[in-house]
Amino acid sequence: MKKNIGNTDRRFRVILGIVIAVLGIFYQSWWGLLAVIPLVTAMIQVCPAYLPFGISTIKKEQNK
């Protein structure tokens, strides 16, 4: 699968995932498990929601 998540988008997803996980732990809620989604997409650098729309946040130089 072709990567479609750039560095800035990746950093944002990691921070968002950590915040969601911490809030889930703090409030003792299973909603904290949603942190897995942005963390996994940041790790594999592919966002399935971007695919149907042809969106890519990778700069042209990185896309090689």
PDB file of N, CA and C in Angstrom:
ATOM      1  N   MET A   1       0.840  -1.171   0.000  1.00  0.00           N
ATOM      2  CA  MET A   1       0.000   0.000   0.000  1.00  0.00           C
ATOM      3  C   MET A   1       0.893   1.244   0.000  1.00  0.00           C
ATOM      4  N   LYS A   2       0.534   2.214  -0.802  1.00  0.00           N
ATOM      5  CA  LYS A   2       1.322   3.427  -0.912  1.00  0.00           C
ATOM      6  C   LYS A   2       1.102   4.314   0.311  1.00  0.00           C
ATOM      7  N   LYS A   3       2.182   4.826   0.872  1.00  0.00           N
ATOM      8  CA  LYS A   3       2.092   5.685   2.051  1.00  0.00           C
ATOM      9  C   LYS A   3       1.416   6.998   1.684  1.00  0.00           C
ATOM     10  N   ASN A   4       0.596   7.525   2.599  1.00  0.00           N
ATOM     11  CA  ASN A   4      -0.081   8.787   2.335  1.00  0.00           C
ATOM     12  C   ASN A   4      -0.098   9.727   3.546  1.00  0.00           C
ATOM     13  N   ILE A   5       0.746   9.453   4.534  1.00  0.00           N
ATOM     14  CA  ILE A   5       0.821  10.291   5.733  1.00  0.00           C
ATOM     15  C   ILE A   5       2.221  10.884   5.826  1.00  0.00           C
ATOM     16  N   GLY A   6       2.301  12.219   5.804  1.00  0.00           N
ATOM     17  CA  GLY A   6       3.576  12.918   5.900  1.00  0.00           C
ATOM     18  C   GLY A   6       4.039  13.059   7.342  1.00  0.00           C
ATOM     19  N   ASN A   7       5.197  13.685   7.497  1.00  0.00           N
ATOM     20  CA  ASN A   7       5.808  13.811   8.824  1.00  0.00           C
ATOM     21  C   ASN A   7       4.978  14.634   9.798  1.00  0.00           C
ATOM     22  N   THR A   8       4.437  15.769   9.347  1.00  0.00           N
ATOM     23  CA  THR A   8       3.639  16.611  10.233  1.00  0.00           C
ATOM     24  C   THR A   8       2.365  15.894  10.657  1.00  0.00           C
ATOM     25  N   ASP A   9       1.712  15.273   9.703  1.00  0.00           N
ATOM     26  CA  ASP A   9       0.492  14.506   9.983  1.00  0.00           C
ATOM     27  C   ASP A   9       0.807  13.363  10.944  1.00  0.00           C
ATOM     28  N   ARG A  10       1.929  12.737  10.751  1.00  0.00           N
ATOM     29  CA  ARG A  10       2.354  11.615  11.597  1.00  0.00           C
ATOM     30  C   ARG A  10       2.575  12.069  13.039  1.00  0.00           C
ATOM     31  N   ARG A  11       3.265  13.191  13.207  1.00  0.00           N
ATOM     32  CA  ARG A  11       3.510  13.717  14.555  1.00  0.00           C
ATOM     33  C   ARG A  11       2.198  14.061  15.253  1.00  0.00           C
ATOM     34  N   PHE A  12       1.288  14.702  14.501  1.00  0.00           N
ATOM     35  CA  PHE A  12      -0.008  15.061  15.061  1.00  0.00           C
ATOM     36  C   PHE A  12      -0.764  13.816  15.526  1.00  0.00           C
ATOM     37  N   ARG A  13      -0.738  12.752  14.731  1.00  0.00           N
ATOM     38  CA  ARG A  13      -1.431  11.516  15.087  1.00  0.00           C
ATOM     39  C   ARG A  13      -0.831  10.865  16.335  1.00  0.00           C
ATOM     40  N   VAL A  14       0.482  10.900  16.460  1.00  0.00           N
ATOM     41  CA  VAL A  14       1.124  10.323  17.653  1.00  0.00           C
ATOM     42  C   VAL A  14       0.717  11.116  18.899  1.00  0.00           C
ATOM     43  N   ILE A  15       0.775  12.438  18.810  1.00  0.00           N
ATOM     44  CA  ILE A  15       0.388  13.278  19.953  1.00  0.00           C
ATOM     45  C   ILE A  15      -1.078  13.056  20.304  1.00  0.00           C
ATOM     46  N   LEU A  16      -1.941  13.040  19.290  1.00  0.00           N
ATOM     47  CA  LEU A  16      -3.363  12.801  19.512  1.00  0.00           C
ATOM     48  C   LEU A  16      -3.601  11.438  20.162  1.00  0.00           C
ATOM     49  N   GLY A  17      -2.917  10.415  19.690  1.00  0.00           N
ATOM     50  CA  GLY A  17      -3.065   9.079  20.259  1.00  0.00           C
ATOM     51  C   GLY A  17      -2.648   9.023  21.722  1.00  0.00           C
ATOM     52  N   ILE A  18      -1.552   9.688  22.032  1.00  0.00           N
ATOM     53  CA  ILE A  18      -1.079   9.707  23.418  1.00  0.00           C
ATOM     54  C   ILE A  18      -2.070  10.443  24.314  1.00  0.00           C
ATOM     55  N   VAL A  19      -2.585  11.566  23.838  1.00  0.00           N
ATOM     56  CA  VAL A  19      -3.560  12.340  24.623  1.00  0.00           C
ATOM     57  C   VAL A  19      -4.821  11.512  24.871  1.00  0.00           C
ATOM     58  N   ILE A  20      -5.318  10.853  23.843  1.00  0.00           N
ATOM     59  CA  ILE A  20      -6.524  10.026  24.007  1.00  0.00           C
ATOM     60  C   ILE A  20      -6.269   8.894  24.996  1.00  0.00           C
ATOM     61  N   ALA A  21      -5.096   8.255  24.900  1.00  0.00           N
ATOM     62  CA  ALA A  21      -4.771   7.161  25.818  1.00  0.00           C
ATOM     63  C   ALA A  21      -4.681   7.658  27.263  1.00  0.00           C
ATOM     64  N   VAL A  22      -4.025   8.784  27.464  1.00  0.00           N
ATOM     65  CA  VAL A  22      -3.881   9.333  28.818  1.00  0.00           C
ATOM     66  C   VAL A  22      -5.250   9.702  29.388  1.00  0.00           C
ATOM     67  N   LEU A  23      -6.092  10.324  28.574  1.00  0.00           N
ATOM     68  CA  LEU A  23      -7.434  10.669  29.056  1.00  0.00           C
ATOM     69  C   LEU A  23      -8.250   9.413  29.362  1.00  0.00           C
ATOM     70  N   GLY A  24      -8.096   8.387  28.559  1.00  0.00           N
ATOM     71  CA  GLY A  24      -8.791   7.124  28.818  1.00  0.00           C
ATOM     72  C   GLY A  24      -8.362   6.503  30.137  1.00  0.00           C
ATOM     73  N   ILE A  25      -7.060   6.574  30.404  1.00  0.00           N
ATOM     74  CA  ILE A  25      -6.547   6.026  31.668  1.00  0.00           C
ATOM     75  C   ILE A  25      -6.999   6.900  32.840  1.00  0.00           C
ATOM     76  N   PHE A  26      -6.912   8.212  32.660  1.00  0.00           N
ATOM     77  CA  PHE A  26      -7.286   9.135  33.731  1.00  0.00           C
ATOM     78  C   PHE A  26      -8.752   8.968  34.123  1.00  0.00           C
ATOM     79  N   TYR A  27      -9.629   8.878  33.124  1.00  0.00           N
ATOM     80  CA  TYR A  27     -11.057   8.742  33.395  1.00  0.00           C
ATOM     81  C   TYR A  27     -11.504   7.281  33.516  1.00  0.00           C
ATOM     82  N   GLN A  28     -10.557   6.368  33.429  1.00  0.00           N
ATOM     83  CA  GLN A  28     -10.817   4.931  33.533  1.00  0.00           C
ATOM     84  C   GLN A  28     -11.955   4.527  32.594  1.00  0.00           C
ATOM     85  N   SER A  29     -11.774   4.902  31.327  1.00  0.00           N
ATOM     86  CA  SER A  29     -12.790   4.642  30.320  1.00  0.00           C
ATOM     87  C   SER A  29     -12.205   3.795  29.194  1.00  0.00           C
ATOM     88  N   TRP A  30     -13.022   2.914  28.662  1.00  0.00           N
ATOM     89  CA  TRP A  30     -12.570   2.090  27.547  1.00  0.00           C
ATOM     90  C   TRP A  30     -12.429   2.912  26.272  1.00  0.00           C
ATOM     91  N   TRP A  31     -12.933   4.150  26.252  1.00  0.00           N
ATOM     92  CA  TRP A  31     -12.785   5.031  25.097  1.00  0.00           C
ATOM     93  C   TRP A  31     -11.314   5.327  24.814  1.00  0.00           C
ATOM     94  N   GLY A  32     -10.480   5.155  25.801  1.00  0.00           N
ATOM     95  CA  GLY A  32      -9.044   5.342  25.618  1.00  0.00           C
ATOM     96  C   GLY A  32      -8.450   4.374  24.613  1.00  0.00           C
ATOM     97  N   LEU A  33      -9.151   3.273  24.365  1.00  0.00           N
ATOM     98  CA  LEU A  33      -8.673   2.308  23.371  1.00  0.00           C
ATOM     99  C   LEU A  33      -8.698   2.884  21.958  1.00  0.00           C
ATOM    100  N   LEU A  34      -9.480   3.935  21.751  1.00  0.00           N
ATOM    101  CA  LEU A  34      -9.503   4.584  20.440  1.00  0.00           C
ATOM    102  C   LEU A  34      -8.150   5.193  20.078  1.00  0.00           C
ATOM    103  N   ALA A  35      -7.277   5.324  21.045  1.00  0.00           N
ATOM    104  CA  ALA A  35      -5.934   5.837  20.791  1.00  0.00           C
ATOM    105  C   ALA A  35      -5.167   4.929  19.839  1.00  0.00           C
ATOM    106  N   VAL A  36      -5.571   3.683  19.744  1.00  0.00           N
ATOM    107  CA  VAL A  36      -4.900   2.728  18.869  1.00  0.00           C
ATOM    108  C   VAL A  36      -4.985   3.181  17.409  1.00  0.00           C
ATOM    109  N   ILE A  37      -6.094   3.772  17.017  1.00  0.00           N
ATOM    110  CA  ILE A  37      -6.301   4.142  15.610  1.00  0.00           C
ATOM    111  C   ILE A  37      -5.266   5.163  15.127  1.00  0.00           C
ATOM    112  N   PRO A  38      -5.133   6.324  15.772  1.00  0.00           N
ATOM    113  CA  PRO A  38      -4.118   7.262  15.268  1.00  0.00           C
ATOM    114  C   PRO A  38      -2.690   6.752  15.445  1.00  0.00           C
ATOM    115  N   LEU A  39      -2.445   5.964  16.488  1.00  0.00           N
ATOM    116  CA  LEU A  39      -1.090   5.446  16.688  1.00  0.00           C
ATOM    117  C   LEU A  39      -0.705   4.432  15.613  1.00  0.00           C
ATOM    118  N   VAL A  40      -1.615   3.546  15.263  1.00  0.00           N
ATOM    119  CA  VAL A  40      -1.321   2.543  14.231  1.00  0.00           C
ATOM    120  C   VAL A  40      -1.182   3.199  12.863  1.00  0.00           C
ATOM    121  N   THR A  41      -2.068   4.130  12.549  1.00  0.00           N
ATOM    122  CA  THR A  41      -1.956   4.792  11.246  1.00  0.00           C
ATOM    123  C   THR A  41      -0.671   5.609  11.148  1.00  0.00           C
ATOM    124  N   ALA A  42      -0.221   6.168  12.261  1.00  0.00           N
ATOM    125  CA  ALA A  42       1.056   6.891  12.254  1.00  0.00           C
ATOM    126  C   ALA A  42       2.219   5.922  12.049  1.00  0.00           C
ATOM    127  N   MET A  43       2.132   4.742  12.648  1.00  0.00           N
ATOM    128  CA  MET A  43       3.208   3.750  12.503  1.00  0.00           C
ATOM    129  C   MET A  43       3.319   3.232  11.074  1.00  0.00           C
ATOM    130  N   ILE A  44       2.198   2.895  10.460  1.00  0.00           N
ATOM    131  CA  ILE A  44       2.243   2.307   9.123  1.00  0.00           C
ATOM    132  C   ILE A  44       2.205   3.366   8.023  1.00  0.00           C
ATOM    133  N   GLN A  45       1.976   4.618   8.382  1.00  0.00           N
ATOM    134  CA  GLN A  45       1.960   5.764   7.479  1.00  0.00           C
ATOM    135  C   GLN A  45       0.928   5.631   6.356  1.00  0.00           C
ATOM    136  N   VAL A  46      -0.163   4.952   6.634  1.00  0.00           N
ATOM    137  CA  VAL A  46      -1.258   4.814   5.675  1.00  0.00           C
ATOM    138  C   VAL A  46      -2.556   5.098   6.402  1.00  0.00           C
ATOM    139  N   CYS A  47      -3.341   6.037   5.857  1.00  0.00           N
ATOM    140  CA  CYS A  47      -4.649   6.341   6.418  1.00  0.00           C
ATOM    141  C   CYS A  47      -5.717   5.829   5.462  1.00  0.00           C
ATOM    142  N   PRO A  48      -6.477   4.813   5.856  1.00  0.00           N
ATOM    143  CA  PRO A  48      -7.513   4.280   4.979  1.00  0.00           C
ATOM    144  C   PRO A  48      -8.575   5.317   4.612  1.00  0.00           C
ATOM    145  N   ALA A  49      -8.829   6.297   5.459  1.00  0.00           N
ATOM    146  CA  ALA A  49      -9.821   7.328   5.163  1.00  0.00           C
ATOM    147  C   ALA A  49      -9.346   8.257   4.041  1.00  0.00           C
ATOM    148  N   TYR A  50      -8.047   8.387   3.853  1.00  0.00           N
ATOM    149  CA  TYR A  50      -7.502   9.230   2.790  1.00  0.00           C
ATOM    150  C   TYR A  50      -7.591   8.555   1.418  1.00  0.00           C
ATOM    151  N   LEU A  51      -7.565   7.224   1.390  1.00  0.00           N
ATOM    152  CA  LEU A  51      -7.482   6.486   0.128  1.00  0.00           C
ATOM    153  C   LEU A  51      -8.597   6.790  -0.875  1.00  0.00           C
ATOM    154  N   PRO A  52      -9.878   6.758  -0.509  1.00  0.00           N
ATOM    155  CA  PRO A  52     -10.926   6.999  -1.514  1.00  0.00           C
ATOM    156  C   PRO A  52     -10.888   8.402  -2.115  1.00  0.00           C
ATOM    157  N   PHE A  53     -10.318   9.346  -1.383  1.00  0.00           N
ATOM    158  CA  PHE A  53     -10.289  10.731  -1.834  1.00  0.00           C
ATOM    159  C   PHE A  53      -8.963  11.104  -2.502  1.00  0.00           C
ATOM    160  N   GLY A  54      -7.994  10.194  -2.484  1.00  0.00           N
ATOM    161  CA  GLY A  54      -6.700  10.460  -3.097  1.00  0.00           C
ATOM    162  C   GLY A  54      -5.876  11.491  -2.348  1.00  0.00           C
ATOM    163  N   ILE A  55      -6.126  11.638  -1.060  1.00  0.00           N
ATOM    164  CA  ILE A  55      -5.407  12.618  -0.242  1.00  0.00           C
ATOM    165  C   ILE A  55      -4.062  12.045   0.179  1.00  0.00           C
ATOM    166  N   SER A  56      -3.044  12.890   0.135  1.00  0.00           N
ATOM    167  CA  SER A  56      -1.723  12.525   0.632  1.00  0.00           C
ATOM    168  C   SER A  56      -1.096  13.758   1.260  1.00  0.00           C
ATOM    169  N   THR A  57      -0.573  13.615   2.471  1.00  0.00           N
ATOM    170  CA  THR A  57       0.076  14.732   3.149  1.00  0.00           C
ATOM    171  C   THR A  57       1.590  14.648   3.028  1.00  0.00           C
ATOM    172  N   ILE A  58       2.058  13.754   2.168  1.00  0.00           N
ATOM    173  CA  ILE A  58       3.493  13.616   1.937  1.00  0.00           C
ATOM    174  C   ILE A  58       3.923  14.657   0.917  1.00  0.00           C
ATOM    175  N   LYS A  59       5.013  15.336   1.200  1.00  0.00           N
ATOM    176  CA  LYS A  59       5.566  16.302   0.249  1.00  0.00           C
ATOM    177  C   LYS A  59       6.082  15.537  -0.968  1.00  0.00           C
ATOM    178  N   LYS A  60       6.149  16.171  -2.087  1.00  0.00           N
ATOM    179  CA  LYS A  60       6.541  15.531  -3.341  1.00  0.00           C
ATOM    180  C   LYS A  60       7.917  14.867  -3.261  1.00  0.00           C
ATOM    181  N   GLU A  61       8.872  15.466  -2.560  1.00  0.00           N
ATOM    182  CA  GLU A  61      10.221  14.902  -2.451  1.00  0.00           C
ATOM    183  C   GLU A  61      10.224  13.610  -1.644  1.00  0.00           C
ATOM    184  N   GLN A  62       9.368  13.512  -0.620  1.00  0.00           N
ATOM    185  CA  GLN A  62       9.313  12.341   0.239  1.00  0.00           C
ATOM    186  C   GLN A  62       8.598  11.184  -0.427  1.00  0.00           C
ATOM    187  N   ASN A  63       7.798  11.445  -1.426  1.00  0.00           N
ATOM    188  CA  ASN A  63       6.903  10.455  -2.020  1.00  0.00           C
ATOM    189  C   ASN A  63       7.614   9.456  -2.933  1.00  0.00           C
ATOM    190  N   LYS A  64       8.912   9.492  -3.003  1.00  0.00           N
ATOM    191  CA  LYS A  64       9.667   8.609  -3.900  1.00  0.00           C
ATOM    192  C   LYS A  64       9.735   7.203  -3.395  1.00  0.00           C
TER     193      LYS A  64
END
